[in-house]
Amino acid sequence: MNPIREDYVVYVHDGDKQVGAVRHVSKDGIRVYVENAGDFEVPMSAVRDVTDDKVTLDCGKLAMDLREAIGHAHQGEDPRIP
C-alpha cells in the first residue's frame, strides 16, 4: 500500500463521493475530517486502499459514530448542484 499523506481525500469502499480528508497520519492510524461532524480517529486496519492521493476505507471496520457522520457528510448540499 502507498503511504498516506495529509490532505488526501477519503472515500468508503462502496461510495463514489468524497466523505472527508486526512488531517494527520501516525503509525497507528489516521485522523479524518468529515464535513458537518469534525475529526475522527481511524485505525490503519480500516484502510482498504491508498491510490492517486485518495484513501479508501472499509466501512465495516469503522466505528458507528464515524459511519453515522459519513452518512450525513453531504446532507447540507444542494442536490441540483453536481
Protein backbone atom coordinates (compact mmCIF):
# COMPACT_ATOMS: atom_id res chain seq x y z
CA MET A 1 0.00 0.00 0.00
CA ASN A 2 1.20 3.51 -0.78
CA PRO A 3 1.99 5.89 2.08
CA ILE A 4 -0.84 8.13 3.30
CA ARG A 5 -0.31 11.87 3.41
CA GLU A 6 -2.22 14.73 4.98
CA ASP A 7 -4.87 16.29 2.72
CA TYR A 8 -5.57 13.05 0.82
CA VAL A 9 -9.28 12.72 0.12
CA VAL A 10 -11.18 9.92 1.86
CA TYR A 11 -13.81 7.59 0.42
CA VAL A 12 -15.56 4.47 1.70
CA HIS A 13 -15.21 1.32 -0.38
CA ASP A 14 -18.84 1.28 -1.54
CA GLY A 15 -19.26 5.01 -2.21
CA ASP A 16 -18.40 7.32 -5.06
CA LYS A 17 -18.41 10.63 -3.16
CA GLN A 18 -15.61 12.03 -1.05
CA VAL A 19 -16.51 11.73 2.63
CA GLY A 20 -13.59 13.54 4.20
CA ALA A 21 -9.92 14.44 4.21
CA VAL A 22 -6.87 13.17 6.05
CA ARG A 23 -5.78 15.64 8.76
CA HIS A 24 -2.99 13.67 10.43
CA VAL A 25 -1.09 10.42 9.91
CA SER A 26 0.54 8.29 12.61
CA LYS A 27 1.86 4.73 12.70
CA ASP A 28 -1.38 3.53 14.32
CA GLY A 29 -3.94 5.33 12.18
CA ILE A 30 -5.16 8.49 10.55
CA ARG A 31 -7.30 11.41 11.69
CA VAL A 32 -10.05 12.13 9.18
CA TYR A 33 -12.13 15.29 8.99
CA VAL A 34 -15.74 14.66 7.97
CA GLU A 35 -17.78 17.68 6.91
CA ASN A 36 -20.55 18.59 9.34
CA ALA A 37 -19.08 16.28 12.02
CA GLY A 38 -15.41 17.04 12.74
CA ASP A 39 -12.36 14.83 13.24
CA PHE A 40 -12.34 11.06 13.76
CA GLU A 41 -9.53 8.64 14.52
CA VAL A 42 -9.36 5.73 12.08
CA PRO A 43 -7.16 2.68 12.71
CA MET A 44 -4.87 1.54 9.90
CA SER A 45 -6.76 -1.77 9.89
CA ALA A 46 -9.77 0.12 8.43
CA VAL A 47 -7.77 1.47 5.47
CA ARG A 48 -8.59 -0.65 2.44
CA ASP A 49 -6.51 1.10 -0.24
CA VAL A 50 -4.37 4.16 -0.96
CA THR A 51 -4.02 5.27 -4.57
CA ASP A 52 -3.87 8.52 -6.54
CA ASP A 53 -3.96 10.80 -3.48
CA LYS A 54 -7.06 9.13 -2.06
CA VAL A 55 -7.69 6.80 0.85
CA THR A 56 -10.42 4.19 0.67
CA LEU A 57 -11.83 2.93 3.98
CA ASP A 58 -13.59 -0.34 4.76
CA CYS A 59 -16.91 0.89 6.18
CA GLY A 60 -17.45 -2.36 8.09
CA LYS A 61 -14.34 -1.68 10.17
CA LEU A 62 -15.27 1.88 11.18
CA ALA A 63 -16.75 2.97 14.50
CA MET A 64 -20.50 3.53 14.47
CA ASP A 65 -20.19 7.28 15.15
CA LEU A 66 -17.93 7.69 12.13
CA ARG A 67 -20.29 5.68 9.92
CA GLU A 68 -23.17 7.91 11.01
CA ALA A 69 -21.11 11.05 10.30
CA ILE A 70 -20.24 9.75 6.83
CA GLY A 71 -23.93 9.20 6.18
CA HIS A 72 -24.61 12.87 6.88
CA ALA A 73 -21.47 14.36 5.29
CA HIS A 74 -23.31 15.73 2.24
CA GLN A 75 -26.63 16.48 3.92
CA GLY A 76 -26.42 20.27 3.59
CA GLU A 77 -25.58 20.25 -0.12
CA ASP A 78 -27.98 21.37 -2.81
CA PRO A 79 -28.80 18.23 -4.86
CA ARG A 80 -29.24 20.33 -8.00
CA ILE A 81 -25.56 21.27 -7.97
CA PRO A 82 -23.33 18.47 -9.33
